Amino acid sequence: MKSIYTLIIALLVTSMVIVSPVEAQDNQEPNRLSIGLLGGVTIGHMNIGTEYDPTFGFNLRYAANPTFAIQTNFQFGEFVSTEDDGINRDGNWYDRHFTNSYIKSSLSTHINLLRMLGSSSETVNLYANVGLGLIFNDVETSMGNPQLFHSEEYRGEDHSNIDVFAVFGTGVRVNLGRRLDVFAQYDFNVANSDLIDGHRTRPDRAIDNFKRTPDSWSSLTAGIQIKFGSSDRDADWHTYTPGVDIARIRALEDRVANIDERVHNNTARIDENERHIRALQQRMDEFERRLSNLEQLVADMDRVDLTIDSDVLFAFDSSVIRNEARPTLAKVVRALAQNPGKNITIAGHTCDIGSEQYNQGLSERRAASVKRFLVEAGIDENRIRTEAYGELRPLVPNVSEEARRLNRRVEMVIQ
């Protein structure tokens, strides 16, 4: 028996230690404490058999998680002997009787068998329990057979001893709602003595042959479990991870995935813009080369395209030609003067800074300023045509200052 009690104590300690949840489900602290009201019947397996006697009580329960719980039971009732208990079990010939008005308390661990097998049910829980307890006995005995009145061997012993017992059981628990469970449980209880019925086992006497020792009894109880706490989560059914909000983590994961997608798209756009910028830089280099030999190019080619950075020709948000830009435009004047059969088209463009209407007007004023410069330099205005597009025809998307600088331009076509 000592080894059995040692094993049960080890199981109780282990269940108190293993309180971490099996899986993360919600970070809201669940309700862990509850009180249960129970009732049922018991039947004794002792030197003298008992009736099916009622038992009542309550429990206090602490659920660590859906797999493990600790429960303390408090019960009271009576063991009352039956008439059907004799040497041949054909009647209580010796007329031995007893009544034990007991109170018992036990501490047990409950293990959710379905969870351990991989189930995640939040409605039904099939569990096993094992624990230790104390039974406070109040035993009264009697013997009605007059032939045995003077026999100490058969007479019972009235007493109020306290015995230790072990309990093994199984049960089913059903979740009826946020605050309420119902349960039904079978327990087999084994005491560490044979005094529960007040009659010791004496193997040398025929009356006690084939009787169980120590005393034991079975009980079948059912009841309701009422939960405490303000949470809508229940530790008997829901797992818990402190400090982690699964919904927020999933939302964050979605945001990260969205950011990754946007970064990927932006990286692709940046790469594309860089390709455009390199191509435009090559065009600017080509412009410088053409400008240095513009007169000969206009004479030799049917069409010559020139793109001049607006920031070269104008200050920001201005249509007044810079003084330092005049030598560049003077080369255009010389090319047109040397080739009187060629005409020029001047188109103004802006970036997206400002309203579309304002940018349209700015591009018109800048194209007009270039035309005015050429006319004042002696070029017939009939040879000059102006166009304005504002921000409507960017060379590259306006995603950076470099891109906007390239989009602020004046394009010239001589043909």
Protein backbone atom coordinates (compact mmCIF):
# COMPACT_ATOMS: atom_id res chain seq x y z
CA MET A 1 0.00 0.00 0.00
CA LYS A 2 2.85 2.40 0.73
CA SER A 3 4.05 2.15 -2.88
CA ILE A 4 0.53 2.99 -4.13
CA TYR A 5 0.31 6.09 -1.95
CA THR A 6 3.82 7.18 -3.02
CA LEU A 7 2.86 6.86 -6.70
CA ILE A 8 -0.34 8.88 -6.19
CA ILE A 9 1.57 11.66 -4.40
CA ALA A 10 4.04 11.80 -7.30
CA LEU A 11 1.19 12.11 -9.79
CA LEU A 12 -0.39 14.93 -7.79
CA VAL A 13 2.87 16.87 -7.65
CA THR A 14 3.48 16.33 -11.37
CA SER A 15 0.03 17.61 -12.28
CA MET A 16 0.66 20.77 -10.25
CA VAL A 17 3.90 21.39 -12.15
CA ILE A 18 2.59 20.72 -15.65
CA VAL A 19 0.49 23.80 -16.15
CA SER A 20 1.77 25.13 -19.48
CA PRO A 21 -0.82 25.04 -22.31
CA VAL A 22 -0.58 22.55 -25.13
CA GLU A 23 -1.16 25.13 -27.86
CA ALA A 24 -1.61 28.89 -28.19
CA GLN A 25 -5.19 29.94 -28.65
CA ASP A 26 -5.90 33.20 -26.82
CA ASN A 27 -4.06 35.58 -24.53
CA GLN A 28 -7.12 36.49 -22.46
CA GLU A 29 -6.63 35.09 -18.95
CA PRO A 30 -9.27 32.32 -18.66
CA ASN A 31 -11.46 31.45 -15.70
CA ARG A 32 -9.65 28.77 -13.70
CA LEU A 33 -11.54 28.41 -10.41
CA SER A 34 -14.93 26.78 -10.00
CA ILE A 35 -17.13 25.15 -7.40
CA GLY A 36 -19.15 22.01 -7.95
CA LEU A 37 -22.23 20.58 -6.27
CA LEU A 38 -22.54 16.80 -6.42
CA GLY A 39 -24.56 13.87 -5.23
CA GLY A 40 -24.62 10.14 -5.81
CA VAL A 41 -24.51 6.67 -4.29
CA THR A 42 -21.84 4.48 -2.68
CA ILE A 43 -21.50 0.74 -2.16
CA GLY A 44 -19.01 -0.78 0.26
CA HIS A 45 -16.72 -3.75 -0.40
CA MET A 46 -15.90 -4.55 3.22
CA ASN A 47 -16.05 -7.32 5.80
CA ILE A 48 -19.74 -6.54 5.98
CA GLY A 49 -21.50 -5.45 2.81
CA THR A 50 -23.42 -2.20 2.63
CA GLU A 51 -26.54 -0.87 1.04
CA TYR A 52 -26.46 1.57 -1.87
CA ASP A 53 -26.17 4.63 0.31
CA PRO A 54 -26.50 8.27 -0.72
CA THR A 55 -23.59 10.72 -0.61
CA PHE A 56 -23.52 14.49 -1.09
CA GLY A 57 -20.89 17.16 -1.24
CA PHE A 58 -19.10 19.84 -3.15
CA ASN A 59 -15.73 20.40 -4.78
CA LEU A 60 -13.27 23.21 -5.44
CA ARG A 61 -11.51 22.95 -8.78
CA TYR A 62 -8.49 24.70 -10.32
CA ALA A 63 -7.98 24.12 -14.06
CA ALA A 64 -4.38 24.68 -15.14
CA ASN A 65 -5.26 24.12 -18.80
CA PRO A 66 -7.57 21.85 -20.82
CA THR A 67 -5.36 18.84 -20.06
CA PHE A 68 -4.70 19.07 -16.31
CA ALA A 69 -6.75 20.18 -13.32
CA ILE A 70 -6.54 19.89 -9.53
CA GLN A 71 -9.71 19.21 -7.55
CA THR A 72 -10.55 18.99 -3.85
CA ASN A 73 -13.71 17.06 -2.92
CA PHE A 74 -15.69 17.30 0.33
CA GLN A 75 -18.40 14.67 0.85
CA PHE A 76 -20.56 13.30 3.62
CA GLY A 77 -22.90 10.35 3.95
CA GLU A 78 -23.38 7.02 5.65
CA PHE A 79 -22.34 3.44 5.10
CA VAL A 80 -25.13 1.18 6.34
CA SER A 81 -24.71 -2.60 6.47
CA THR A 82 -26.93 -4.94 4.50
CA GLU A 83 -28.62 -8.11 5.68
CA ASP A 84 -27.04 -10.13 2.88
CA ASP A 85 -23.69 -10.82 4.45
CA GLY A 86 -23.11 -14.22 6.07
CA ILE A 87 -20.60 -17.00 5.97
CA ASN A 88 -22.11 -18.31 2.77
CA ARG A 89 -23.48 -14.91 1.67
CA ASP A 90 -26.99 -16.31 2.08
CA GLY A 91 -27.91 -13.98 4.91
CA ASN A 92 -26.31 -12.23 7.81
CA TRP A 93 -26.50 -15.27 10.16
CA TYR A 94 -24.17 -13.60 12.63
CA ASP A 95 -26.39 -10.53 12.51
CA ARG A 96 -23.46 -8.12 12.47
CA HIS A 97 -24.35 -4.52 11.62
CA PHE A 98 -22.67 -1.15 11.49
CA THR A 99 -23.38 2.46 10.55
CA ASN A 100 -20.54 4.81 9.58
CA SER A 101 -21.53 8.48 9.39
CA TYR A 102 -18.48 9.79 7.58
CA ILE A 103 -17.04 13.01 6.23
CA LYS A 104 -14.28 12.68 3.70
CA SER A 105 -11.98 15.05 1.85
CA SER A 106 -9.69 14.25 -1.07
CA LEU A 107 -7.24 15.96 -3.40
CA SER A 108 -6.96 14.55 -6.90
CA THR A 109 -5.57 15.40 -10.28
CA HIS A 110 -7.77 15.20 -13.39
CA ILE A 111 -6.26 14.35 -16.77
CA ASN A 112 -8.21 14.99 -19.96
CA LEU A 113 -7.74 11.76 -21.90
CA LEU A 114 -9.22 13.13 -25.15
CA ARG A 115 -6.82 16.08 -25.17
CA MET A 116 -3.87 13.78 -24.61
CA LEU A 117 -5.05 11.77 -27.62
CA GLY A 118 -5.09 14.92 -29.78
CA SER A 119 -8.72 16.05 -29.53
CA SER A 120 -9.49 19.76 -29.28
CA SER A 121 -13.14 19.38 -28.36
CA GLU A 122 -14.60 22.28 -26.36
CA THR A 123 -17.80 20.38 -25.53
CA VAL A 124 -16.95 16.91 -24.16
CA ASN A 125 -14.10 15.90 -21.86
CA LEU A 126 -13.38 12.27 -20.91
CA TYR A 127 -11.00 12.29 -17.96
CA ALA A 128 -9.20 10.07 -15.47
CA ASN A 129 -8.47 11.06 -11.87
CA VAL A 130 -6.22 9.82 -9.11
CA GLY A 131 -5.69 11.21 -5.63
CA LEU A 132 -5.46 10.82 -1.87
CA GLY A 133 -7.91 11.65 0.88
CA LEU A 134 -8.89 11.46 4.52
CA ILE A 135 -12.11 9.89 5.81
CA PHE A 136 -13.37 10.92 9.24
CA ASN A 137 -15.30 7.92 10.56
CA ASP A 138 -18.05 7.76 13.17
CA VAL A 139 -18.68 4.02 13.42
CA GLU A 140 -21.34 2.34 15.51
CA THR A 141 -21.56 -1.48 15.46
CA SER A 142 -24.04 -4.06 16.73
CA MET A 143 -24.47 -7.83 16.75
CA GLY A 144 -27.95 -9.31 17.04
CA ASN A 145 -27.14 -13.05 17.25
CA PRO A 146 -27.40 -13.95 20.95
CA GLN A 147 -25.01 -16.90 20.47
CA LEU A 148 -22.21 -14.42 19.83
CA PHE A 149 -22.84 -11.82 22.52
CA HIS A 150 -19.86 -12.97 24.57
CA SER A 151 -17.52 -13.46 21.63
CA GLU A 152 -14.91 -10.74 21.30
CA GLU A 153 -13.79 -12.17 17.97
CA TYR A 154 -17.05 -11.28 16.23
CA ARG A 155 -18.06 -8.17 18.08
CA GLY A 156 -17.54 -4.83 16.24
CA GLU A 157 -15.54 -1.84 17.48
CA ASP A 158 -17.20 1.52 17.77
CA HIS A 159 -14.67 4.23 16.93
CA SER A 160 -14.05 7.68 15.44
CA ASN A 161 -10.75 6.97 13.72
CA ILE A 162 -9.37 8.89 10.72
CA ASP A 163 -8.15 6.82 7.79
CA VAL A 164 -6.20 7.65 4.67
CA PHE A 165 -7.57 6.37 1.38
CA ALA A 166 -6.56 6.39 -2.27
CA VAL A 167 -9.02 7.16 -5.03
CA PHE A 168 -8.94 6.10 -8.68
CA GLY A 169 -11.65 7.07 -11.10
CA THR A 170 -12.89 8.21 -14.46
CA GLY A 171 -15.61 10.53 -15.60
CA VAL A 172 -17.12 12.64 -18.33
CA ARG A 173 -17.56 16.41 -18.34
CA VAL A 174 -19.85 18.35 -20.69
CA ASN A 175 -19.62 22.09 -21.34
CA LEU A 176 -23.08 23.70 -21.20
CA GLY A 177 -21.93 27.31 -21.49
CA ARG A 178 -19.48 29.96 -20.37
CA ARG A 179 -20.29 29.47 -16.69
CA LEU A 180 -21.55 25.91 -16.37
CA ASP A 181 -20.37 22.31 -16.83
CA VAL A 182 -22.05 19.06 -15.85
CA PHE A 183 -20.16 15.91 -14.93
CA ALA A 184 -20.60 12.28 -13.96
CA GLN A 185 -17.82 10.34 -12.23
CA TYR A 186 -17.06 6.82 -10.98
CA ASP A 187 -14.48 6.37 -8.17
CA PHE A 188 -12.94 3.32 -6.54
CA ASN A 189 -11.63 4.09 -3.04
CA VAL A 190 -9.17 1.98 -1.02
CA ALA A 191 -8.55 2.70 2.69
CA ASN A 192 -5.34 1.92 4.52
CA SER A 193 -7.19 -0.09 7.19
CA ASP A 194 -10.19 -2.37 7.52
CA LEU A 195 -11.97 -0.35 10.18
CA ILE A 196 -14.38 1.54 7.93
CA ASP A 197 -17.06 -0.98 8.91
CA GLY A 198 -15.83 -1.36 12.53
CA HIS A 199 -14.97 -5.07 12.11
CA ARG A 200 -11.38 -6.20 11.73
CA THR A 201 -10.39 -9.01 9.40
CA ARG A 202 -9.31 -12.12 11.26
CA PRO A 203 -8.14 -14.72 8.71
CA ASP A 204 -8.15 -17.49 11.30
CA ARG A 205 -11.92 -17.22 11.68
CA ALA A 206 -14.27 -18.87 9.22
CA ILE A 207 -16.56 -15.87 9.18
CA ASP A 208 -13.82 -13.71 7.65
CA ASN A 209 -12.58 -16.11 4.97
CA PHE A 210 -12.53 -14.67 1.46
CA LYS A 211 -13.25 -11.16 2.72
CA ARG A 212 -11.51 -8.08 1.34
CA THR A 213 -8.83 -6.31 3.35
CA PRO A 214 -8.30 -3.42 3.60
CA ASP A 215 -11.77 -1.88 3.24
CA SER A 216 -12.81 -0.34 -0.07
CA TRP A 217 -15.90 1.19 -1.62
CA SER A 218 -17.19 2.47 -4.93
CA SER A 219 -19.06 5.68 -5.58
CA LEU A 220 -20.96 7.06 -8.53
CA THR A 221 -21.58 10.81 -8.43
CA ALA A 222 -22.87 13.50 -10.76
CA GLY A 223 -23.25 17.24 -10.46
CA ILE A 224 -22.78 20.71 -11.85
CA GLN A 225 -19.64 22.87 -11.97
CA ILE A 226 -20.04 26.65 -11.65
CA LYS A 227 -17.17 28.81 -12.97
CA PHE A 228 -15.77 31.97 -11.36
CA GLY A 229 -14.25 34.94 -13.20
CA SER A 230 -15.11 37.66 -15.69
CA SER A 231 -13.47 36.15 -18.76
CA ASP A 232 -15.39 34.53 -21.58
CA ARG A 233 -12.59 31.95 -21.81
CA ASP A 234 -12.53 28.79 -19.67
CA ALA A 235 -9.27 27.05 -18.75
CA ASP A 236 -11.09 23.68 -18.81
CA TRP A 237 -11.71 24.16 -22.52
CA HIS A 238 -9.45 26.93 -23.87
CA THR A 239 -5.66 27.14 -23.92
CA TYR A 240 -3.81 30.27 -22.88
CA THR A 241 -0.47 31.94 -23.69
CA PRO A 242 0.40 34.93 -21.44
CA GLY A 243 1.13 38.18 -23.24
CA VAL A 244 0.37 36.91 -26.72
CA ASP A 245 -2.68 38.05 -28.66
CA ILE A 246 -3.12 35.58 -31.49
CA ALA A 247 -5.59 37.81 -33.36
CA ARG A 248 -3.14 40.70 -33.26
CA ILE A 249 -0.27 38.43 -34.31
CA ARG A 250 -2.27 37.23 -37.30
CA ALA A 251 -3.18 40.80 -38.19
CA LEU A 252 0.49 41.73 -37.88
CA GLU A 253 1.46 38.79 -40.07
CA ASP A 254 -1.04 39.99 -42.68
CA ARG A 255 0.39 43.49 -42.49
CA VAL A 256 3.94 42.17 -42.81
CA ALA A 257 2.90 40.10 -45.82
CA ASN A 258 1.27 43.19 -47.32
CA ILE A 259 4.39 45.24 -46.61
CA ASP A 260 6.55 42.54 -48.19
CA GLU A 261 4.37 42.68 -51.29
CA ARG A 262 4.52 46.47 -51.38
CA VAL A 263 8.28 46.45 -50.87
CA HIS A 264 8.60 43.96 -53.69
CA ASN A 265 6.43 46.13 -55.94
CA ASN A 266 8.27 49.30 -54.93
CA THR A 267 11.62 47.62 -55.51
CA ALA A 268 10.48 46.67 -58.99
CA ARG A 269 9.30 50.24 -59.60
CA ILE A 270 12.55 51.67 -58.27
CA ASP A 271 14.53 49.36 -60.52
CA GLU A 272 12.38 50.47 -63.46
CA ASN A 273 12.84 54.14 -62.53
CA GLU A 274 16.57 53.66 -62.28
CA ARG A 275 16.56 52.20 -65.78
CA HIS A 276 14.59 55.22 -66.99
CA ILE A 277 16.96 57.58 -65.22
CA ARG A 278 20.00 55.92 -66.78
CA ALA A 279 18.34 56.12 -70.19
CA LEU A 280 17.51 59.80 -69.63
CA GLN A 281 21.04 60.49 -68.46
CA GLN A 282 22.25 58.99 -71.68
CA ARG A 283 19.80 61.29 -73.49
CA MET A 284 21.20 64.27 -71.61
CA ASP A 285 24.70 63.24 -72.55
CA GLU A 286 23.51 62.87 -76.13
CA PHE A 287 21.93 66.34 -75.86
CA GLU A 288 25.26 67.84 -74.81
CA ARG A 289 26.98 66.11 -77.70
CA ARG A 290 24.35 67.27 -80.19
CA LEU A 291 24.30 70.79 -78.80
CA SER A 292 28.04 71.16 -79.35
CA ASN A 293 27.60 70.26 -83.01
CA LEU A 294 23.99 71.38 -83.48
CA GLU A 295 24.47 73.43 -86.66
CA GLN A 296 25.94 70.51 -88.57
CA LEU A 297 23.34 68.04 -87.23
CA VAL A 298 20.45 70.28 -88.33
CA ALA A 299 22.00 70.63 -91.77
CA ASP A 300 22.61 66.91 -92.19
CA MET A 301 19.48 65.38 -90.55
CA ASP A 302 15.81 65.69 -91.35
CA ARG A 303 14.91 65.79 -87.65
CA VAL A 304 16.88 66.70 -84.54
CA ASP A 305 15.37 66.17 -81.04
CA LEU A 306 16.67 68.11 -78.04
CA THR A 307 15.55 67.83 -74.39
CA ILE A 308 16.69 70.59 -72.02
CA ASP A 309 16.25 70.29 -68.26
CA SER A 310 13.86 73.03 -67.09
CA ASP A 311 16.02 73.54 -64.04
CA VAL A 312 18.77 74.58 -66.47
CA LEU A 313 16.55 77.11 -68.19
CA PHE A 314 14.40 78.35 -65.29
CA ALA A 315 14.40 78.77 -61.54
CA PHE A 316 11.88 76.64 -59.60
CA ASP A 317 8.29 77.75 -60.26
CA SER A 318 9.50 80.41 -62.72
CA SER A 319 9.19 81.03 -66.47
CA VAL A 320 12.02 83.60 -66.64
CA ILE A 321 15.05 82.28 -68.54
CA ARG A 322 18.21 82.16 -66.45
CA ASN A 323 21.17 84.20 -67.67
CA GLU A 324 23.40 81.12 -67.55
CA ALA A 325 20.97 79.33 -69.91
CA ARG A 326 21.27 81.93 -72.67
CA PRO A 327 24.47 80.41 -74.23
CA THR A 328 22.62 77.11 -74.65
CA LEU A 329 19.69 78.74 -76.41
CA ALA A 330 22.09 80.82 -78.49
CA LYS A 331 23.38 77.61 -80.09
CA VAL A 332 19.79 76.78 -81.07
CA VAL A 333 19.44 80.26 -82.58
CA ARG A 334 22.63 79.80 -84.65
CA ALA A 335 21.50 76.40 -85.90
CA LEU A 336 18.14 77.82 -87.02
CA ALA A 337 19.80 80.88 -88.60
CA GLN A 338 22.18 78.67 -90.61
CA ASN A 339 19.29 76.48 -91.75
CA PRO A 340 16.44 78.84 -92.71
CA GLY A 341 14.40 76.00 -94.21
CA LYS A 342 13.99 74.29 -90.84
CA ASN A 343 11.28 74.99 -88.28
CA ILE A 344 11.19 74.29 -84.52
CA THR A 345 8.52 72.95 -82.14
CA ILE A 346 8.89 73.82 -78.44
CA ALA A 347 6.97 71.72 -75.84
CA GLY A 348 6.86 72.58 -72.12
CA HIS A 349 6.53 69.87 -69.40
CA THR A 350 6.37 69.99 -65.57
CA CYS A 351 6.41 67.53 -62.66
CA ASP A 352 3.40 66.86 -60.38
CA ILE A 353 4.18 69.47 -57.71
CA GLY A 354 1.17 71.77 -57.57
CA SER A 355 -2.26 71.41 -59.13
CA GLU A 356 -2.76 70.09 -62.65
CA GLN A 357 -4.23 73.41 -63.78
CA TYR A 358 -1.32 75.39 -62.39
CA ASN A 359 1.26 73.07 -63.97
CA GLN A 360 -0.48 73.36 -67.33
CA GLY A 361 -0.19 77.15 -67.19
CA LEU A 362 3.45 77.00 -66.07
CA SER A 363 4.39 74.75 -69.01
CA GLU A 364 2.64 77.16 -71.40
CA ARG A 365 4.54 80.16 -69.98
CA ARG A 366 7.88 78.41 -70.20
CA ALA A 367 7.35 77.36 -73.84
CA ALA A 368 6.33 80.96 -74.61
CA SER A 369 9.49 82.30 -72.89
CA VAL A 370 11.73 80.12 -75.08
CA LYS A 371 9.84 81.23 -78.20
CA ARG A 372 10.21 84.86 -77.17
CA PHE A 373 13.96 84.42 -76.71
CA LEU A 374 14.31 82.94 -80.20
CA VAL A 375 12.19 85.67 -81.81
CA GLU A 376 14.18 88.40 -80.03
CA ALA A 377 17.33 86.73 -81.33
CA GLY A 378 16.08 87.10 -84.92
CA ILE A 379 14.22 83.88 -85.71
CA ASP A 380 10.96 84.37 -87.61
CA GLU A 381 8.06 83.54 -85.24
CA ASN A 382 6.28 81.73 -88.08
CA ARG A 383 9.01 79.11 -87.90
CA ILE A 384 8.24 78.48 -84.21
CA ARG A 385 5.36 76.41 -82.78
CA THR A 386 4.74 75.93 -79.04
CA GLU A 387 3.00 73.15 -77.14
CA ALA A 388 2.31 72.66 -73.41
CA TYR A 389 1.49 69.40 -71.55
CA GLY A 390 1.91 70.32 -67.90
CA GLU A 391 2.27 67.16 -65.78
CA LEU A 392 0.38 64.89 -68.21
CA ARG A 393 3.39 63.35 -69.99
CA PRO A 394 6.03 62.45 -67.41
CA LEU A 395 9.08 60.57 -68.61
CA VAL A 396 9.22 58.59 -65.35
CA PRO A 397 6.82 58.29 -62.37
CA ASN A 398 7.12 61.23 -59.98
CA VAL A 399 8.35 59.13 -57.05
CA SER A 400 11.53 61.05 -56.18
CA GLU A 401 13.08 64.46 -56.58
CA GLU A 402 15.43 63.09 -59.22
CA ALA A 403 12.47 61.78 -61.21
CA ARG A 404 10.63 65.09 -60.87
CA ARG A 405 13.71 67.00 -62.02
CA LEU A 406 13.81 64.87 -65.18
CA ASN A 407 10.12 65.47 -65.83
CA ARG A 408 10.58 69.26 -65.63
CA ARG A 409 11.87 69.80 -69.18
CA VAL A 410 11.55 71.62 -72.47
CA GLU A 411 11.60 69.43 -75.57
CA MET A 412 12.59 70.89 -78.99
CA VAL A 413 12.17 69.27 -82.38
CA ILE A 414 13.95 70.90 -85.35
CA GLN A 415 12.88 69.61 -88.75
